[in-house]
Amino acid sequence: MASKSEAGVALQEFIEDVGIPNEMVCDGAGEQVGPKSDFAKTCRRVHCKMRRTEPHSPWQNQAEGMIGETKKRWKTKMSAKNVPGRVWDYGLGHEKTIMSHIARGPDGRTGYERMTGNTPDISEMLDFEIWDLVWYHQPGTDTSEPVRRLGRWLGVAHRIWSNMCHWVIPGSGVVLARTTVQHVTPLELQVPELQDQVKEFDVALRERLSDSNFVISGMEEISGFYLPGIYYMEEFADSVTVPRDGDETQPEQDSFTPEGYDNMINAEIMIPKGDGTIVGKVIKRAKGEDGNPIGLRNFNPLLDTREYEVLMLDCATVSYTANVIAENLYSQVDSEGRQF
């Protein structure tokens, strides 16, 4: 989830590149509909009408389908090329650009052409794929020749003045914009000296992008094993409120629910059945006869007693506790977090 400032910056860049839309459709996310968020302030400043979908009704926003497809493409690419999760913003941005340049619909026009009226130029996206190993030229400190260094390709730098400019991440982890980008050829990779150099580069870059370098202070006080992506947002979900239309003081409780921030929902798991396994998808929290969700959350998945309804591939619905689902999810990935 983007922060309030990130959502506002993204909207501002969209306005600068494409123009002011007549209407903006969004869900109940606080960084978008919050009256003091940068996103809402930008919409009011440019007189763009905002509309919100109903809670738990993603089909009311036609963009949700393409958002899901873009995330699926990025996860596939991330798994296939073993891309670190820390560069997700560049990866999703690149996949988003590709999707906007693919012709869809009966008129055979791309989303970029529908928005701008211009024929898209795809030449920038033909040479490289995300996380390709490349050379880039670093200017020398004096009159000497530019130094050629290794890097990983992260996408096209559209907002840099030069044409055919690319984002490159070196071993330091600080992303650079360079036009002097070339492939590391298969013939070059056969040289033993370069093979050693590439190994050292990859080790240094992955250590720099390791999650251990980005630990939230204070979280170490929580004892036991826990999943930050699943439990952290739920801890604070009840404290977030959004005003109703025409009332800036009345909170809207149904727009922000713990279930809305529960990353276990929509997770795909594999359940043993007979001599094999069957795929299931977590669809929602299981509720008791009183209508309240069953079970209590715990930072340790082994002690989490929440129950979820899982829709199996044969259309049957089965209830499983959170600890069983968490154990199943972790049994599907290796030590590096790659799914198999």
Protein backbone atom coordinates (compact mmCIF):
# COMPACT_ATOMS: atom_id res chain seq x y z
CA MET A 1 0.00 0.00 0.00
CA ALA A 2 1.32 3.42 -0.95
CA SER A 3 1.68 6.20 1.59
CA LYS A 4 -0.31 9.43 1.44
CA SER A 5 2.57 11.35 -0.13
CA GLU A 6 3.36 8.58 -2.68
CA ALA A 7 -0.25 8.46 -3.88
CA GLY A 8 -0.28 12.24 -4.26
CA VAL A 9 3.00 12.28 -6.18
CA ALA A 10 1.77 9.53 -8.52
CA LEU A 11 -1.38 11.53 -9.29
CA GLN A 12 0.61 14.71 -9.85
CA GLU A 13 2.91 12.94 -12.32
CA PHE A 14 -0.11 11.52 -14.15
CA ILE A 15 -1.61 15.00 -14.47
CA GLU A 16 1.66 16.41 -15.77
CA ASP A 17 2.11 13.64 -18.37
CA VAL A 18 -1.47 13.06 -19.55
CA GLY A 19 -3.68 15.85 -18.23
CA ILE A 20 -6.46 16.37 -15.71
CA PRO A 21 -9.09 13.61 -15.84
CA ASN A 22 -12.74 14.61 -15.61
CA GLU A 23 -13.42 11.98 -12.98
CA MET A 24 -11.34 9.82 -10.63
CA VAL A 25 -12.72 6.51 -9.34
CA CYS A 26 -11.03 5.03 -6.27
CA ASP A 27 -11.80 2.72 -3.37
CA GLY A 28 -11.94 3.63 0.32
CA ALA A 29 -8.16 3.72 0.85
CA GLY A 30 -7.23 6.44 3.32
CA GLU A 31 -4.31 7.70 1.21
CA GLN A 32 -6.82 8.51 -1.55
CA VAL A 33 -10.08 9.58 0.06
CA GLY A 34 -8.70 11.02 3.30
CA PRO A 35 -9.58 14.74 3.35
CA LYS A 36 -6.04 15.70 4.35
CA SER A 37 -4.24 13.28 2.02
CA ASP A 38 -2.10 14.64 -0.81
CA PHE A 39 -4.18 12.67 -3.30
CA ALA A 40 -7.46 14.32 -2.26
CA LYS A 41 -5.82 17.74 -2.04
CA THR A 42 -4.52 17.39 -5.60
CA CYS A 43 -7.96 16.39 -6.89
CA ARG A 44 -9.55 19.41 -5.22
CA ARG A 45 -6.84 21.74 -6.51
CA VAL A 46 -7.32 20.71 -10.15
CA HIS A 47 -11.14 20.41 -9.81
CA CYS A 48 -11.20 16.68 -10.58
CA LYS A 49 -14.37 14.93 -9.46
CA MET A 50 -13.77 11.99 -7.11
CA ARG A 51 -16.05 8.96 -6.86
CA ARG A 52 -15.72 6.03 -4.46
CA THR A 53 -16.74 2.44 -4.85
CA GLU A 54 -18.74 0.65 -2.18
CA PRO A 55 -16.77 -1.33 0.41
CA HIS A 56 -15.83 -4.84 -0.77
CA SER A 57 -17.13 -4.10 -4.31
CA PRO A 58 -14.02 -4.04 -6.51
CA TRP A 59 -16.04 -4.79 -9.66
CA GLN A 60 -17.38 -1.22 -9.55
CA ASN A 61 -13.94 0.02 -10.63
CA GLN A 62 -13.09 -1.29 -14.11
CA ALA A 63 -9.39 -0.68 -13.48
CA GLU A 64 -9.27 -3.38 -10.79
CA GLY A 65 -9.09 -6.16 -13.40
CA MET A 66 -6.04 -4.65 -15.07
CA ILE A 67 -4.45 -3.98 -11.68
CA GLY A 68 -4.77 -7.67 -10.85
CA GLU A 69 -3.35 -8.67 -14.25
CA THR A 70 -0.40 -6.29 -13.82
CA LYS A 71 0.39 -7.70 -10.36
CA LYS A 72 0.18 -11.24 -11.74
CA ARG A 73 2.63 -10.40 -14.55
CA TRP A 74 5.05 -8.82 -12.08
CA LYS A 75 4.91 -11.78 -9.67
CA THR A 76 5.59 -14.15 -12.57
CA LYS A 77 8.56 -12.10 -13.74
CA MET A 78 9.83 -11.70 -10.19
CA SER A 79 9.75 -15.45 -9.61
CA ALA A 80 11.23 -16.37 -13.00
CA LYS A 81 14.21 -14.00 -12.73
CA ASN A 82 14.61 -14.09 -8.92
CA VAL A 83 14.15 -10.33 -8.60
CA PRO A 84 14.46 -8.91 -5.04
CA GLY A 85 11.21 -7.61 -3.61
CA ARG A 86 12.82 -4.25 -2.78
CA VAL A 87 12.59 -3.14 -6.42
CA TRP A 88 8.85 -3.85 -6.66
CA ASP A 89 8.02 -0.23 -7.51
CA TYR A 90 10.24 -0.27 -10.60
CA GLY A 91 9.01 -3.71 -11.64
CA LEU A 92 5.32 -2.85 -11.30
CA GLY A 93 5.91 0.47 -13.08
CA HIS A 94 7.53 -1.32 -16.01
CA GLU A 95 4.74 -3.91 -16.25
CA LYS A 96 2.18 -1.10 -16.04
CA THR A 97 3.84 0.65 -18.97
CA ILE A 98 3.77 -2.57 -21.01
CA MET A 99 0.08 -3.13 -20.23
CA SER A 100 -0.81 0.43 -21.26
CA HIS A 101 0.93 -0.17 -24.62
CA ILE A 102 -0.96 -3.39 -25.43
CA ALA A 103 -3.96 -2.99 -27.74
CA ARG A 104 -7.23 -4.14 -26.18
CA GLY A 105 -10.91 -3.89 -26.96
CA PRO A 106 -12.84 -4.06 -30.24
CA ASP A 107 -11.22 -0.87 -31.58
CA GLY A 108 -7.72 -2.33 -31.29
CA ARG A 109 -6.36 0.76 -29.53
CA THR A 110 -3.99 0.88 -26.59
CA GLY A 111 -4.82 2.54 -23.28
CA TYR A 112 -2.03 5.04 -23.89
CA GLU A 113 -3.60 6.08 -27.20
CA ARG A 114 -7.07 6.38 -25.67
CA MET A 115 -5.76 8.71 -22.96
CA THR A 116 -3.38 10.86 -25.01
CA GLY A 117 -4.51 10.46 -28.62
CA ASN A 118 -0.90 9.66 -29.60
CA THR A 119 0.43 6.47 -31.17
CA PRO A 120 2.67 4.78 -28.55
CA ASP A 121 6.38 4.36 -29.21
CA ILE A 122 7.59 1.00 -27.90
CA SER A 123 11.21 1.25 -29.07
CA GLU A 124 12.43 1.99 -25.54
CA MET A 125 11.02 -1.29 -24.22
CA LEU A 126 12.35 -3.67 -26.86
CA ASP A 127 16.01 -3.97 -25.87
CA PHE A 128 15.84 -5.01 -22.21
CA GLU A 129 13.76 -6.93 -19.68
CA ILE A 130 13.52 -6.23 -15.98
CA TRP A 131 16.63 -7.31 -14.02
CA ASP A 132 18.75 -7.91 -17.13
CA LEU A 133 22.50 -7.81 -16.48
CA VAL A 134 23.90 -4.75 -18.27
CA TRP A 135 26.93 -2.52 -18.62
CA TYR A 136 26.66 1.20 -18.00
CA HIS A 137 29.33 3.88 -18.39
CA GLN A 138 30.30 5.94 -15.37
CA PRO A 139 32.08 9.22 -16.23
CA GLY A 140 35.74 9.28 -15.11
CA THR A 141 37.00 11.57 -12.37
CA ASP A 142 39.39 13.31 -14.80
CA THR A 143 40.05 13.25 -18.54
CA SER A 144 40.32 9.48 -18.55
CA GLU A 145 37.96 7.18 -20.41
CA PRO A 146 34.52 6.50 -18.84
CA VAL A 147 34.50 3.44 -16.61
CA ARG A 148 32.28 0.51 -17.63
CA ARG A 149 30.45 -1.02 -14.69
CA LEU A 150 27.93 -3.77 -14.05
CA GLY A 151 24.30 -3.09 -13.19
CA ARG A 152 20.78 -4.49 -13.37
CA TRP A 153 18.17 -2.95 -15.65
CA LEU A 154 15.01 -1.64 -13.89
CA GLY A 155 13.05 0.07 -16.64
CA VAL A 156 12.81 3.15 -18.84
CA ALA A 157 13.40 6.54 -17.22
CA HIS A 158 10.53 8.44 -18.85
CA ARG A 159 10.92 11.59 -16.79
CA ILE A 160 14.61 12.14 -17.59
CA TRP A 161 15.37 14.60 -20.38
CA SER A 162 17.47 12.29 -22.56
CA ASN A 163 15.83 9.89 -25.01
CA MET A 164 16.37 6.14 -24.53
CA CYS A 165 17.32 6.69 -20.88
CA HIS A 166 17.16 3.73 -18.51
CA TRP A 167 17.06 3.06 -14.77
CA VAL A 168 20.04 0.97 -13.65
CA ILE A 169 20.84 -0.27 -10.15
CA PRO A 170 24.55 -0.82 -9.38
CA GLY A 171 26.08 -2.81 -6.52
CA SER A 172 25.59 0.15 -4.16
CA GLY A 173 21.79 -0.14 -4.50
CA VAL A 174 21.44 3.55 -5.49
CA VAL A 175 19.38 3.68 -8.71
CA LEU A 176 20.97 5.65 -11.57
CA ALA A 177 19.59 7.06 -14.84
CA ARG A 178 21.89 6.28 -17.78
CA THR A 179 21.68 6.37 -21.57
CA THR A 180 24.93 4.42 -21.98
CA VAL A 181 23.43 0.99 -21.26
CA GLN A 182 24.44 -2.18 -23.08
CA HIS A 183 23.77 -5.89 -22.65
CA VAL A 184 26.34 -8.17 -21.09
CA THR A 185 26.62 -10.63 -23.98
CA PRO A 186 26.67 -14.44 -23.57
CA LEU A 187 30.16 -14.45 -25.12
CA GLU A 188 31.42 -12.10 -22.40
CA LEU A 189 29.89 -14.28 -19.70
CA GLN A 190 32.08 -17.17 -20.82
CA VAL A 191 35.17 -15.34 -19.54
CA PRO A 192 36.08 -16.71 -16.05
CA GLU A 193 37.19 -13.29 -14.78
CA LEU A 194 33.84 -11.74 -15.68
CA GLN A 195 31.96 -14.66 -14.13
CA ASP A 196 33.68 -13.97 -10.82
CA GLN A 197 32.95 -10.26 -11.17
CA VAL A 198 29.25 -10.94 -11.81
CA LYS A 199 29.03 -13.23 -8.75
CA GLU A 200 30.62 -10.58 -6.52
CA PHE A 201 28.29 -7.95 -7.95
CA ASP A 202 25.14 -10.03 -7.36
CA VAL A 203 26.18 -10.89 -3.80
CA ALA A 204 26.90 -7.23 -2.97
CA LEU A 205 23.61 -6.05 -4.50
CA ARG A 206 21.46 -8.66 -2.76
CA GLU A 207 23.09 -7.94 0.58
CA ARG A 208 22.35 -4.24 0.06
CA LEU A 209 18.69 -4.99 -0.81
CA SER A 210 18.22 -7.53 1.98
CA ASP A 211 15.16 -7.01 4.18
CA SER A 212 17.42 -7.10 7.23
CA ASN A 213 18.63 -3.62 6.26
CA PHE A 214 15.09 -2.24 6.41
CA VAL A 215 13.76 -3.25 9.83
CA ILE A 216 11.15 -1.07 11.51
CA SER A 217 12.44 0.07 14.88
CA GLY A 218 10.47 -1.33 17.81
CA MET A 219 9.28 -4.46 16.02
CA GLU A 220 12.09 -6.47 17.64
CA GLU A 221 10.23 -6.17 20.94
CA ILE A 222 7.52 -8.48 19.64
CA SER A 223 8.40 -12.00 20.70
CA GLY A 224 7.79 -15.06 18.60
CA PHE A 225 7.56 -15.71 14.89
CA TYR A 226 5.16 -13.51 12.92
CA LEU A 227 4.32 -12.42 9.38
CA PRO A 228 4.61 -8.59 9.09
CA GLY A 229 2.68 -8.45 5.80
CA ILE A 230 -0.31 -10.22 7.35
CA TYR A 231 -0.47 -8.89 10.89
CA TYR A 232 1.02 -5.40 10.95
CA MET A 233 -1.73 -3.53 9.08
CA GLU A 234 -4.50 -5.28 10.98
CA GLU A 235 -3.08 -4.01 14.27
CA PHE A 236 -3.88 -0.42 13.29
CA ALA A 237 -6.86 -0.90 10.99
CA ASP A 238 -9.45 -0.10 13.65
CA SER A 239 -7.87 3.29 14.38
CA VAL A 240 -8.27 4.58 10.79
CA THR A 241 -11.42 6.49 9.96
CA VAL A 242 -12.68 8.17 6.79
CA PRO A 243 -15.34 10.93 6.72
CA ARG A 244 -18.64 10.32 5.03
CA ASP A 245 -19.68 12.47 2.10
CA GLY A 246 -20.59 15.92 3.39
CA ASP A 247 -19.46 15.19 6.94
CA GLU A 248 -15.79 15.64 7.82
CA THR A 249 -16.22 14.52 11.40
CA GLN A 250 -18.30 11.33 11.17
CA PRO A 251 -16.10 8.20 10.79
CA GLU A 252 -17.01 5.51 8.30
CA GLN A 253 -16.24 2.23 9.97
CA ASP A 254 -17.23 -0.11 7.13
CA SER A 255 -14.59 1.27 4.73
CA PHE A 256 -11.69 0.13 6.91
CA THR A 257 -12.01 -3.34 8.35
CA PRO A 258 -9.30 -5.74 9.53
CA GLU A 259 -10.47 -8.16 6.84
CA GLY A 260 -9.76 -5.53 4.18
CA TYR A 261 -6.09 -5.51 5.19
CA ASP A 262 -5.77 -9.26 5.76
CA ASN A 263 -3.20 -10.57 3.28
CA MET A 264 -4.26 -14.16 3.89
CA ILE A 265 -7.44 -13.46 1.95
CA ASN A 266 -7.00 -14.36 -1.77
CA ALA A 267 -3.98 -16.54 -0.92
CA GLU A 268 -3.78 -19.80 -2.86
CA ILE A 269 -2.98 -22.93 -0.87
CA MET A 270 -2.61 -26.62 -1.69
CA ILE A 271 -4.55 -28.99 0.56
CA PRO A 272 -3.85 -32.76 0.68
CA LYS A 273 -6.76 -34.80 -0.65
CA GLY A 274 -6.54 -38.53 -1.13
CA ASP A 275 -3.27 -39.46 -2.82
CA GLY A 276 -2.70 -35.95 -4.16
CA THR A 277 -3.42 -32.29 -3.47
CA ILE A 278 -6.11 -29.83 -4.46
CA VAL A 279 -5.77 -26.08 -4.90
CA GLY A 280 -7.89 -23.77 -2.76
CA LYS A 281 -8.26 -20.01 -2.41
CA VAL A 282 -8.89 -18.16 0.86
CA ILE A 283 -11.99 -16.03 0.26
CA LYS A 284 -13.02 -14.57 3.65
CA ARG A 285 -13.05 -14.91 7.44
CA ALA A 286 -15.32 -17.57 8.84
CA LYS A 287 -18.05 -16.23 11.14
CA GLY A 288 -20.01 -17.83 13.94
CA GLU A 289 -23.76 -17.89 14.58
CA ASP A 290 -23.56 -14.45 16.20
CA GLY A 291 -22.11 -12.99 12.99
CA ASN A 292 -18.70 -12.24 14.52
CA PRO A 293 -15.44 -13.58 13.05
CA ILE A 294 -14.23 -16.81 14.66
CA GLY A 295 -10.89 -16.86 16.46
CA LEU A 296 -8.34 -14.33 17.66
CA ARG A 297 -5.24 -12.99 15.94
CA ASN A 298 -1.79 -13.68 17.34
CA PHE A 299 1.62 -12.46 16.15
CA ASN A 300 2.75 -16.06 16.29
CA PRO A 301 0.95 -17.99 13.49
CA LEU A 302 1.09 -21.18 15.56
CA LEU A 303 -1.16 -19.52 18.15
CA ASP A 304 -3.45 -17.77 15.67
CA THR A 305 -6.97 -19.20 16.06
CA ARG A 306 -8.76 -17.25 13.31
CA GLU A 307 -10.73 -19.34 10.86
CA TYR A 308 -11.05 -18.70 7.13
CA GLU A 309 -13.30 -20.07 4.42
CA VAL A 310 -11.33 -21.68 1.58
CA LEU A 311 -12.93 -22.20 -1.85
CA MET A 312 -11.58 -25.42 -3.33
CA LEU A 313 -11.08 -26.13 -7.01
CA ASP A 314 -14.09 -28.47 -6.94
CA CYS A 315 -16.25 -25.53 -5.70
CA ALA A 316 -16.50 -26.93 -2.16
CA THR A 317 -15.98 -24.51 0.75
CA VAL A 318 -13.91 -25.67 3.72
CA SER A 319 -12.89 -23.84 6.92
CA TYR A 320 -9.23 -23.77 8.01
CA THR A 321 -7.49 -21.96 10.83
CA ALA A 322 -4.85 -19.32 10.18
CA ASN A 323 -2.00 -21.45 11.51
CA VAL A 324 -2.80 -24.24 9.04
CA ILE A 325 -2.94 -21.76 6.15
CA ALA A 326 0.33 -20.11 7.18
CA GLU A 327 2.05 -23.49 7.46
CA ASN A 328 0.73 -24.44 4.02
CA LEU A 329 1.94 -21.18 2.44
CA TYR A 330 5.43 -21.53 3.84
CA SER A 331 5.64 -25.14 2.70
CA GLN A 332 5.21 -23.90 -0.90
CA VAL A 333 8.32 -21.69 -0.93
CA ASP A 334 12.02 -22.39 -0.66
CA SER A 335 14.59 -20.68 1.58
CA GLU A 336 14.78 -17.71 -0.83
CA GLY A 337 11.02 -17.13 -0.90
CA ARG A 338 10.45 -18.55 -4.39
CA GLN A 339 7.24 -20.49 -4.96
CA PHE A 340 7.28 -23.93 -6.46
